[in-house]
Amino acid sequence: MSAGKVAGGIGLGGLLIYGLITLLMGGNIGDVIDVATQMGGTEIVSGSGRTPTAEEEELAVFSKQILAGTEDVWTQIFAQNGRTYVPPKLVLYNDYVQTASGTASAQMGPFYNSADQTVYIDLSFFSTMKQQIGADGDFAYAYVIAHEVGHHVQYLLGTLQQAHQQMSRVSQAESNQISVRLELQADFYAGVWAHHDNRMYHSLEPGDIEEGMAVASKIGDDYLQKKARGYAQPETFNHGTSEQRSRWLMKGFNTGNPAQGDTFSPRYNQL
């Protein structure tokens, strides 16, 4: 994605990218915090009061442009289906931030909070992502924001609330499987965004899709667990394998059709 094209309106519908450091600390970057209210706009806050670096300021501008692009795409898609898209708020922060559900630290990584319909992104995460899992580039960064916006789409459609209600009534293993379904669908929505954003703005450049696939291959539960522990525990997966995440991302991009993103009907072993 070139800077010029970004300025015209670029966004991505949703992927969870989390660094090895967070996994080692027991966190799940991209976790969805669930409740319900309504806000809009974008702001940069600093929990510790420190001034953002020049690089963080640049990423903040880029992030706001990505969010604007997701609004363009999802507004059009919702309208075509007789719905109204209400965009999420974007809060870019460093160190820690106060949310409608309490205080969140940078260790959480990117996440969506439906309590205030806000996507929260720690600006230092992009450099952590590059250092810890080797994911870099504009498309990779857009992918992070897009995935979280995908959770907002789920919230607006009622999918998120239904899934969380079901998760509260089942065992941890079953809850993890529902979480995987949510995350794969958000990956799919990321691909849908990329499809339509490119159609509307010709925003993709050679190598962008490959960049996204490279990132997807490094954010699966199996890859990260093996990297951190030397082995994987499938029963603890709550985001999906590298293969699943890459495949659902590409399915969204290839079809551009949100209706093709049903991750809840198939048997779990067929996702």
C-alpha atoms as a PDB file:
ATOM      1  CA  MET A   1       0.000   0.000   0.000  1.00  0.00           C
ATOM      2  CA  SER A   2       1.573   3.280  -1.047  1.00  0.00           C
ATOM      3  CA  ALA A   3       1.276   6.342   1.159  1.00  0.00           C
ATOM      4  CA  GLY A   4      -0.606   8.144  -1.581  1.00  0.00           C
ATOM      5  CA  LYS A   5      -3.150   5.392  -1.926  1.00  0.00           C
ATOM      6  CA  VAL A   6      -3.552   5.178   1.825  1.00  0.00           C
ATOM      7  CA  ALA A   7      -4.550   8.819   1.914  1.00  0.00           C
ATOM      8  CA  GLY A   8      -7.335   8.059  -0.546  1.00  0.00           C
ATOM      9  CA  GLY A   9      -9.047   5.602   1.744  1.00  0.00           C
ATOM     10  CA  ILE A  10      -7.576   2.299   2.829  1.00  0.00           C
ATOM     11  CA  GLY A  11      -8.744  -0.119   5.444  1.00  0.00           C
ATOM     12  CA  LEU A  12      -8.828  -3.778   6.334  1.00  0.00           C
ATOM     13  CA  GLY A  13     -11.679  -5.700   7.903  1.00  0.00           C
ATOM     14  CA  GLY A  14     -10.039  -7.615  10.669  1.00  0.00           C
ATOM     15  CA  LEU A  15      -7.134  -9.839  11.755  1.00  0.00           C
ATOM     16  CA  LEU A  16      -5.682 -10.598  15.142  1.00  0.00           C
ATOM     17  CA  ILE A  17      -1.922 -10.493  15.188  1.00  0.00           C
ATOM     18  CA  TYR A  18      -0.146 -11.225  18.397  1.00  0.00           C
ATOM     19  CA  GLY A  19       3.567 -11.295  19.257  1.00  0.00           C
ATOM     20  CA  LEU A  20       5.419 -14.105  20.932  1.00  0.00           C
ATOM     21  CA  ILE A  21       6.105 -11.943  23.969  1.00  0.00           C
ATOM     22  CA  THR A  22       2.405 -11.729  24.810  1.00  0.00           C
ATOM     23  CA  LEU A  23       1.900 -15.456  24.367  1.00  0.00           C
ATOM     24  CA  LEU A  24       4.766 -16.135  26.747  1.00  0.00           C
ATOM     25  CA  MET A  25       3.106 -13.911  29.310  1.00  0.00           C
ATOM     26  CA  GLY A  26      -0.160 -15.797  28.967  1.00  0.00           C
ATOM     27  CA  GLY A  27      -2.038 -13.107  27.096  1.00  0.00           C
ATOM     28  CA  ASN A  28      -4.134 -13.328  23.959  1.00  0.00           C
ATOM     29  CA  ILE A  29      -3.576 -10.311  21.756  1.00  0.00           C
ATOM     30  CA  GLY A  30      -6.722  -9.431  19.895  1.00  0.00           C
ATOM     31  CA  ASP A  31      -9.009 -10.666  22.641  1.00  0.00           C
ATOM     32  CA  VAL A  32     -12.527  -9.315  22.372  1.00  0.00           C
ATOM     33  CA  ILE A  33     -13.883  -7.623  25.468  1.00  0.00           C
ATOM     34  CA  ASP A  34     -17.656  -7.820  25.315  1.00  0.00           C
ATOM     35  CA  VAL A  35     -20.410  -5.480  26.615  1.00  0.00           C
ATOM     36  CA  ALA A  36     -22.373  -2.647  24.800  1.00  0.00           C
ATOM     37  CA  THR A  37     -22.631   1.149  24.187  1.00  0.00           C
ATOM     38  CA  GLN A  38     -21.746   3.545  21.365  1.00  0.00           C
ATOM     39  CA  MET A  39     -18.980   6.017  20.468  1.00  0.00           C
ATOM     40  CA  GLY A  40     -17.189   7.326  17.407  1.00  0.00           C
ATOM     41  CA  GLY A  41     -13.998   9.112  16.317  1.00  0.00           C
ATOM     42  CA  THR A  42     -10.283   8.606  16.830  1.00  0.00           C
ATOM     43  CA  GLU A  43      -7.897   9.707  19.540  1.00  0.00           C
ATOM     44  CA  ILE A  44      -4.380   9.127  20.810  1.00  0.00           C
ATOM     45  CA  VAL A  45      -3.865   8.732  24.533  1.00  0.00           C
ATOM     46  CA  SER A  46      -0.869   8.027  26.730  1.00  0.00           C
ATOM     47  CA  GLY A  47      -1.325   6.128  29.947  1.00  0.00           C
ATOM     48  CA  SER A  48       2.090   7.106  31.266  1.00  0.00           C
ATOM     49  CA  GLY A  49       2.072  10.602  29.837  1.00  0.00           C
ATOM     50  CA  ARG A  50       5.097  10.010  27.612  1.00  0.00           C
ATOM     51  CA  THR A  51       5.223  11.682  24.224  1.00  0.00           C
ATOM     52  CA  PRO A  52       4.771   9.359  21.212  1.00  0.00           C
ATOM     53  CA  THR A  53       7.863   8.898  19.061  1.00  0.00           C
ATOM     54  CA  ALA A  54       7.994  10.172  15.484  1.00  0.00           C
ATOM     55  CA  GLU A  55       7.487   6.601  14.278  1.00  0.00           C
ATOM     56  CA  GLU A  56       4.448   6.183  16.510  1.00  0.00           C
ATOM     57  CA  GLU A  57       3.000   9.473  15.259  1.00  0.00           C
ATOM     58  CA  GLU A  58       3.413   8.239  11.687  1.00  0.00           C
ATOM     59  CA  LEU A  59       1.734   4.947  12.543  1.00  0.00           C
ATOM     60  CA  ALA A  60      -1.085   6.869  14.192  1.00  0.00           C
ATOM     61  CA  VAL A  61      -1.779   8.761  10.975  1.00  0.00           C
ATOM     62  CA  PHE A  62      -1.652   5.528   8.997  1.00  0.00           C
ATOM     63  CA  SER A  63      -3.985   3.787  11.452  1.00  0.00           C
ATOM     64  CA  LYS A  64      -6.593   6.530  11.183  1.00  0.00           C
ATOM     65  CA  GLN A  65      -6.447   6.268   7.404  1.00  0.00           C
ATOM     66  CA  ILE A  66      -6.959   2.528   7.599  1.00  0.00           C
ATOM     67  CA  LEU A  67      -9.983   2.988   9.856  1.00  0.00           C
ATOM     68  CA  ALA A  68     -11.449   5.509   7.416  1.00  0.00           C
ATOM     69  CA  GLY A  69     -11.069   2.957   4.635  1.00  0.00           C
ATOM     70  CA  THR A  70     -12.839   0.246   6.584  1.00  0.00           C
ATOM     71  CA  GLU A  71     -15.703   2.655   7.149  1.00  0.00           C
ATOM     72  CA  ASP A  72     -15.997   3.260   3.400  1.00  0.00           C
ATOM     73  CA  VAL A  73     -16.141  -0.438   2.607  1.00  0.00           C
ATOM     74  CA  TRP A  74     -18.406  -1.627   5.405  1.00  0.00           C
ATOM     75  CA  THR A  75     -20.783   1.313   5.003  1.00  0.00           C
ATOM     76  CA  GLN A  76     -21.319   0.275   1.401  1.00  0.00           C
ATOM     77  CA  ILE A  77     -21.687  -3.432   2.203  1.00  0.00           C
ATOM     78  CA  PHE A  78     -24.164  -2.793   5.027  1.00  0.00           C
ATOM     79  CA  ALA A  79     -26.207  -0.432   2.833  1.00  0.00           C
ATOM     80  CA  GLN A  80     -26.409  -3.057   0.105  1.00  0.00           C
ATOM     81  CA  ASN A  81     -27.962  -5.370   2.690  1.00  0.00           C
ATOM     82  CA  GLY A  82     -30.424  -2.834   4.052  1.00  0.00           C
ATOM     83  CA  ARG A  83     -28.402  -2.077   7.180  1.00  0.00           C
ATOM     84  CA  THR A  84     -26.648   0.955   8.620  1.00  0.00           C
ATOM     85  CA  TYR A  85     -22.979   0.710   9.492  1.00  0.00           C
ATOM     86  CA  VAL A  86     -21.941   2.559  12.636  1.00  0.00           C
ATOM     87  CA  PRO A  87     -18.124   2.785  12.632  1.00  0.00           C
ATOM     88  CA  PRO A  88     -16.109   1.979  15.746  1.00  0.00           C
ATOM     89  CA  LYS A  89     -13.957   4.443  17.606  1.00  0.00           C
ATOM     90  CA  LEU A  90     -10.187   3.980  17.358  1.00  0.00           C
ATOM     91  CA  VAL A  91      -7.958   4.649  20.353  1.00  0.00           C
ATOM     92  CA  LEU A  92      -4.213   4.550  19.823  1.00  0.00           C
ATOM     93  CA  TYR A  93      -2.247   4.444  23.038  1.00  0.00           C
ATOM     94  CA  ASN A  94       1.069   3.654  24.646  1.00  0.00           C
ATOM     95  CA  ASP A  95       1.801   1.794  27.871  1.00  0.00           C
ATOM     96  CA  TYR A  96      -1.773   1.508  29.163  1.00  0.00           C
ATOM     97  CA  VAL A  97      -5.260   2.885  28.580  1.00  0.00           C
ATOM     98  CA  GLN A  98      -8.564   3.238  30.404  1.00  0.00           C
ATOM     99  CA  THR A  99     -11.459   1.473  28.649  1.00  0.00           C
ATOM    100  CA  ALA A 100     -15.141   1.114  29.457  1.00  0.00           C
ATOM    101  CA  SER A 101     -14.265  -2.286  30.895  1.00  0.00           C
ATOM    102  CA  GLY A 102     -11.284  -1.187  32.992  1.00  0.00           C
ATOM    103  CA  THR A 103      -7.589  -0.540  32.502  1.00  0.00           C
ATOM    104  CA  ALA A 104      -5.754  -2.362  29.704  1.00  0.00           C
ATOM    105  CA  SER A 105      -1.991  -2.551  29.318  1.00  0.00           C
ATOM    106  CA  ALA A 106       0.117  -2.730  26.186  1.00  0.00           C
ATOM    107  CA  GLN A 107       0.733  -6.404  26.986  1.00  0.00           C
ATOM    108  CA  MET A 108      -2.760  -7.161  25.701  1.00  0.00           C
ATOM    109  CA  GLY A 109      -1.894  -6.030  22.197  1.00  0.00           C
ATOM    110  CA  PRO A 110      -4.696  -4.935  19.813  1.00  0.00           C
ATOM    111  CA  PHE A 111      -8.234  -5.647  20.977  1.00  0.00           C
ATOM    112  CA  TYR A 112     -11.840  -4.666  20.381  1.00  0.00           C
ATOM    113  CA  ASN A 113     -14.088  -3.656  23.259  1.00  0.00           C
ATOM    114  CA  SER A 114     -17.792  -3.728  22.497  1.00  0.00           C
ATOM    115  CA  ALA A 115     -18.494  -1.934  25.784  1.00  0.00           C
ATOM    116  CA  ASP A 116     -17.470   1.288  24.050  1.00  0.00           C
ATOM    117  CA  GLN A 117     -17.384  -0.048  20.480  1.00  0.00           C
ATOM    118  CA  THR A 118     -13.711   0.826  20.278  1.00  0.00           C
ATOM    119  CA  VAL A 119     -10.635  -0.690  18.677  1.00  0.00           C
ATOM    120  CA  TYR A 120      -7.620  -0.233  20.954  1.00  0.00           C
ATOM    121  CA  ILE A 121      -4.110  -0.453  19.554  1.00  0.00           C
ATOM    122  CA  ASP A 122      -0.848   0.083  21.395  1.00  0.00           C
ATOM    123  CA  LEU A 123       1.402   1.932  18.954  1.00  0.00           C
ATOM    124  CA  SER A 124       4.510   0.068  20.097  1.00  0.00           C
ATOM    125  CA  PHE A 125       2.875  -3.198  19.065  1.00  0.00           C
ATOM    126  CA  PHE A 126       3.776  -2.751  15.415  1.00  0.00           C
ATOM    127  CA  SER A 127       7.488  -2.715  16.229  1.00  0.00           C
ATOM    128  CA  THR A 128       6.982  -5.655  18.591  1.00  0.00           C
ATOM    129  CA  MET A 129       5.202  -7.508  15.815  1.00  0.00           C
ATOM    130  CA  LYS A 130       8.156  -6.952  13.519  1.00  0.00           C
ATOM    131  CA  GLN A 131      10.756  -7.944  16.105  1.00  0.00           C
ATOM    132  CA  GLN A 132       8.962 -10.935  17.605  1.00  0.00           C
ATOM    133  CA  ILE A 133       7.288 -12.632  14.637  1.00  0.00           C
ATOM    134  CA  GLY A 134       8.939 -10.957  11.665  1.00  0.00           C
ATOM    135  CA  ALA A 135       5.722  -9.371  10.389  1.00  0.00           C
ATOM    136  CA  ASP A 136       6.270  -6.019   8.728  1.00  0.00           C
ATOM    137  CA  GLY A 137       4.823  -3.714   6.082  1.00  0.00           C
ATOM    138  CA  ASP A 138       1.807  -1.484   5.581  1.00  0.00           C
ATOM    139  CA  PHE A 139      -0.500  -4.330   4.632  1.00  0.00           C
ATOM    140  CA  ALA A 140       0.537  -6.308   7.696  1.00  0.00           C
ATOM    141  CA  TYR A 141      -0.237  -3.346   9.942  1.00  0.00           C
ATOM    142  CA  ALA A 142      -3.537  -2.700   8.202  1.00  0.00           C
ATOM    143  CA  TYR A 143      -4.352  -6.354   8.747  1.00  0.00           C
ATOM    144  CA  VAL A 144      -4.159  -5.868  12.514  1.00  0.00           C
ATOM    145  CA  ILE A 145      -6.609  -2.982  12.510  1.00  0.00           C
ATOM    146  CA  ALA A 146      -8.843  -4.688   9.987  1.00  0.00           C
ATOM    147  CA  HIS A 147      -9.215  -7.820  12.049  1.00  0.00           C
ATOM    148  CA  GLU A 148     -10.379  -5.821  15.057  1.00  0.00           C
ATOM    149  CA  VAL A 149     -12.851  -3.922  12.878  1.00  0.00           C
ATOM    150  CA  GLY A 150     -14.068  -7.362  11.823  1.00  0.00           C
ATOM    151  CA  HIS A 151     -15.043  -7.984  15.445  1.00  0.00           C
ATOM    152  CA  HIS A 152     -16.972  -4.716  15.377  1.00  0.00           C
ATOM    153  CA  VAL A 153     -18.839  -5.977  12.313  1.00  0.00           C
ATOM    154  CA  GLN A 154     -19.654  -9.125  14.284  1.00  0.00           C
ATOM    155  CA  TYR A 155     -20.954  -6.944  17.105  1.00  0.00           C
ATOM    156  CA  LEU A 156     -23.211  -4.950  14.797  1.00  0.00           C
ATOM    157  CA  LEU A 157     -24.602  -8.166  13.315  1.00  0.00           C
ATOM    158  CA  GLY A 158     -25.178  -9.710  16.749  1.00  0.00           C
ATOM    159  CA  THR A 159     -22.749 -12.566  16.089  1.00  0.00           C
ATOM    160  CA  LEU A 160     -20.345 -11.495  18.819  1.00  0.00           C
ATOM    161  CA  GLN A 161     -22.979 -11.307  21.527  1.00  0.00           C
ATOM    162  CA  GLN A 162     -24.473 -14.688  20.622  1.00  0.00           C
ATOM    163  CA  ALA A 163     -21.060 -16.332  20.625  1.00  0.00           C
ATOM    164  CA  HIS A 164     -20.119 -14.874  24.006  1.00  0.00           C
ATOM    165  CA  GLN A 165     -23.403 -15.958  25.520  1.00  0.00           C
ATOM    166  CA  GLN A 166     -22.799 -19.482  24.300  1.00  0.00           C
ATOM    167  CA  MET A 167     -19.203 -19.434  25.529  1.00  0.00           C
ATOM    168  CA  SER A 168     -20.412 -18.627  29.041  1.00  0.00           C
ATOM    169  CA  ARG A 169     -22.515 -21.808  29.136  1.00  0.00           C
ATOM    170  CA  VAL A 170     -20.004 -24.417  27.969  1.00  0.00           C
ATOM    171  CA  SER A 171     -16.711 -25.930  29.046  1.00  0.00           C
ATOM    172  CA  GLN A 172     -13.387 -24.185  28.491  1.00  0.00           C
ATOM    173  CA  ALA A 173     -12.520 -26.499  25.604  1.00  0.00           C
ATOM    174  CA  GLU A 174     -15.842 -25.790  23.880  1.00  0.00           C
ATOM    175  CA  SER A 175     -15.477 -22.092  24.601  1.00  0.00           C
ATOM    176  CA  ASN A 176     -12.072 -22.127  22.903  1.00  0.00           C
ATOM    177  CA  GLN A 177     -13.619 -23.661  19.806  1.00  0.00           C
ATOM    178  CA  ILE A 178     -16.268 -20.928  19.639  1.00  0.00           C
ATOM    179  CA  SER A 179     -13.505 -18.362  20.001  1.00  0.00           C
ATOM    180  CA  VAL A 180     -11.686 -19.920  17.049  1.00  0.00           C
ATOM    181  CA  ARG A 181     -14.846 -19.585  14.958  1.00  0.00           C
ATOM    182  CA  LEU A 182     -15.082 -15.888  15.877  1.00  0.00           C
ATOM    183  CA  GLU A 183     -11.456 -15.234  15.035  1.00  0.00           C
ATOM    184  CA  LEU A 184     -11.533 -17.046  11.700  1.00  0.00           C
ATOM    185  CA  GLN A 185     -14.603 -15.083  10.698  1.00  0.00           C
ATOM    186  CA  ALA A 186     -12.807 -11.840  11.588  1.00  0.00           C
ATOM    187  CA  ASP A 187      -9.923 -13.021   9.404  1.00  0.00           C
ATOM    188  CA  PHE A 188     -12.416 -13.636   6.614  1.00  0.00           C
ATOM    189  CA  TYR A 189     -13.847 -10.140   7.029  1.00  0.00           C
ATOM    190  CA  ALA A 190     -10.304  -8.798   6.714  1.00  0.00           C
ATOM    191  CA  GLY A 191     -10.086 -10.426   3.329  1.00  0.00           C
ATOM    192  CA  VAL A 192     -13.501  -9.063   2.336  1.00  0.00           C
ATOM    193  CA  TRP A 193     -12.295  -5.579   3.194  1.00  0.00           C
ATOM    194  CA  ALA A 194      -9.122  -5.974   1.145  1.00  0.00           C
ATOM    195  CA  HIS A 195     -11.162  -7.185  -1.839  1.00  0.00           C
ATOM    196  CA  HIS A 196     -13.512  -4.193  -1.841  1.00  0.00           C
ATOM    197  CA  ASP A 197     -10.940  -1.605  -0.836  1.00  0.00           C
ATOM    198  CA  ASN A 198      -8.817  -2.634  -3.781  1.00  0.00           C
ATOM    199  CA  ARG A 199     -11.860  -2.510  -6.059  1.00  0.00           C
ATOM    200  CA  MET A 200     -12.776   0.967  -4.850  1.00  0.00           C
ATOM    201  CA  TYR A 201      -9.330   2.548  -4.531  1.00  0.00           C
ATOM    202  CA  HIS A 202      -6.863   0.232  -6.326  1.00  0.00           C
ATOM    203  CA  SER A 203      -5.050   0.213  -3.007  1.00  0.00           C
ATOM    204  CA  LEU A 204      -3.104  -3.033  -3.293  1.00  0.00           C
ATOM    205  CA  GLU A 205       0.378  -3.118  -4.722  1.00  0.00           C
ATOM    206  CA  PRO A 206       2.396  -6.126  -5.911  1.00  0.00           C
ATOM    207  CA  GLY A 207       3.399  -8.218  -2.922  1.00  0.00           C
ATOM    208  CA  ASP A 208       0.701  -6.929  -0.544  1.00  0.00           C
ATOM    209  CA  ILE A 209      -1.350 -10.124  -0.548  1.00  0.00           C
ATOM    210  CA  GLU A 210       1.814 -12.186  -0.102  1.00  0.00           C
ATOM    211  CA  GLU A 211       2.692  -9.900   2.804  1.00  0.00           C
ATOM    212  CA  GLY A 212      -0.671 -10.578   4.402  1.00  0.00           C
ATOM    213  CA  MET A 213      -0.352 -14.315   3.899  1.00  0.00           C
ATOM    214  CA  ALA A 214       3.112 -14.277   5.444  1.00  0.00           C
ATOM    215  CA  VAL A 215       1.683 -12.588   8.504  1.00  0.00           C
ATOM    216  CA  ALA A 216      -1.261 -14.995   8.708  1.00  0.00           C
ATOM    217  CA  SER A 217       1.139 -17.932   8.623  1.00  0.00           C
ATOM    218  CA  LYS A 218       2.855 -16.621  11.753  1.00  0.00           C
ATOM    219  CA  ILE A 219      -0.144 -15.854  13.927  1.00  0.00           C
ATOM    220  CA  GLY A 220      -1.742 -19.275  14.197  1.00  0.00           C
ATOM    221  CA  ASP A 221      -2.003 -20.826  17.639  1.00  0.00           C
ATOM    222  CA  ASP A 222       0.024 -23.826  16.510  1.00  0.00           C
ATOM    223  CA  TYR A 223       2.895 -21.717  15.170  1.00  0.00           C
ATOM    224  CA  LEU A 224       3.086 -19.442  18.208  1.00  0.00           C
ATOM    225  CA  GLN A 225       2.791 -22.261  20.737  1.00  0.00           C
ATOM    226  CA  LYS A 226       5.505 -24.267  19.042  1.00  0.00           C
ATOM    227  CA  LYS A 227       7.734 -21.211  18.912  1.00  0.00           C
ATOM    228  CA  ALA A 228       7.148 -20.454  22.584  1.00  0.00           C
ATOM    229  CA  ARG A 229       6.979 -23.972  24.075  1.00  0.00           C
ATOM    230  CA  GLY A 230       8.281 -26.335  21.432  1.00  0.00           C
ATOM    231  CA  TYR A 231       4.908 -28.060  21.080  1.00  0.00           C
ATOM    232  CA  ALA A 232       1.252 -27.224  20.432  1.00  0.00           C
ATOM    233  CA  GLN A 233      -1.869 -28.029  22.473  1.00  0.00           C
ATOM    234  CA  PRO A 234      -4.855 -28.015  20.083  1.00  0.00           C
ATOM    235  CA  GLU A 235      -7.397 -28.054  22.911  1.00  0.00           C
ATOM    236  CA  THR A 236      -6.102 -24.644  24.029  1.00  0.00           C
ATOM    237  CA  PHE A 237      -6.303 -23.000  20.596  1.00  0.00           C
ATOM    238  CA  ASN A 238      -8.579 -19.961  20.620  1.00  0.00           C
ATOM    239  CA  HIS A 239      -7.615 -18.189  17.397  1.00  0.00           C
ATOM    240  CA  GLY A 240      -7.066 -20.954  14.854  1.00  0.00           C
ATOM    241  CA  THR A 241      -4.075 -22.570  13.178  1.00  0.00           C
ATOM    242  CA  SER A 242      -1.814 -20.816  10.710  1.00  0.00           C
ATOM    243  CA  GLU A 243      -3.350 -22.782   7.862  1.00  0.00           C
ATOM    244  CA  GLN A 244      -6.899 -21.924   8.917  1.00  0.00           C
ATOM    245  CA  ARG A 245      -6.203 -18.234   9.337  1.00  0.00           C
ATOM    246  CA  SER A 246      -4.439 -17.936   5.999  1.00  0.00           C
ATOM    247  CA  ARG A 247      -7.192 -19.843   4.230  1.00  0.00           C
ATOM    248  CA  TRP A 248     -10.087 -17.832   5.664  1.00  0.00           C
ATOM    249  CA  LEU A 249      -8.277 -14.577   4.956  1.00  0.00           C
ATOM    250  CA  MET A 250      -7.821 -15.573   1.322  1.00  0.00           C
ATOM    251  CA  LYS A 251     -11.393 -16.831   1.056  1.00  0.00           C
ATOM    252  CA  GLY A 252     -12.611 -13.399   2.080  1.00  0.00           C
ATOM    253  CA  PHE A 253     -10.290 -11.697  -0.371  1.00  0.00           C
ATOM    254  CA  ASN A 254     -11.145 -14.007  -3.262  1.00  0.00           C
ATOM    255  CA  THR A 255     -14.924 -13.903  -2.809  1.00  0.00           C
ATOM    256  CA  GLY A 256     -15.473 -10.425  -1.385  1.00  0.00           C
ATOM    257  CA  ASN A 257     -18.810 -11.790  -0.204  1.00  0.00           C
ATOM    258  CA  PRO A 258     -19.551 -11.538   3.546  1.00  0.00           C
ATOM    259  CA  ALA A 259     -22.218 -14.247   3.170  1.00  0.00           C
ATOM    260  CA  GLN A 260     -19.458 -16.765   2.427  1.00  0.00           C
ATOM    261  CA  GLY A 261     -17.922 -16.283   5.883  1.00  0.00           C
ATOM    262  CA  ASP A 262     -20.050 -18.662   7.950  1.00  0.00           C
ATOM    263  CA  THR A 263     -17.568 -20.215  10.370  1.00  0.00           C
ATOM    264  CA  PHE A 264     -20.260 -21.407  12.771  1.00  0.00           C
ATOM    265  CA  SER A 265     -22.152 -23.979  10.698  1.00  0.00           C
ATOM    266  CA  PRO A 266     -19.287 -26.309   9.663  1.00  0.00           C
ATOM    267  CA  ARG A 267     -18.076 -29.008  12.003  1.00  0.00           C
ATOM    268  CA  TYR A 268     -15.124 -27.783  14.016  1.00  0.00           C
ATOM    269  CA  ASN A 269     -12.721 -30.186  12.329  1.00  0.00           C
ATOM    270  CA  GLN A 270     -13.833 -28.885   8.926  1.00  0.00           C
ATOM    271  CA  LEU A 271     -13.051 -25.219   9.537  1.00  0.00           C
END
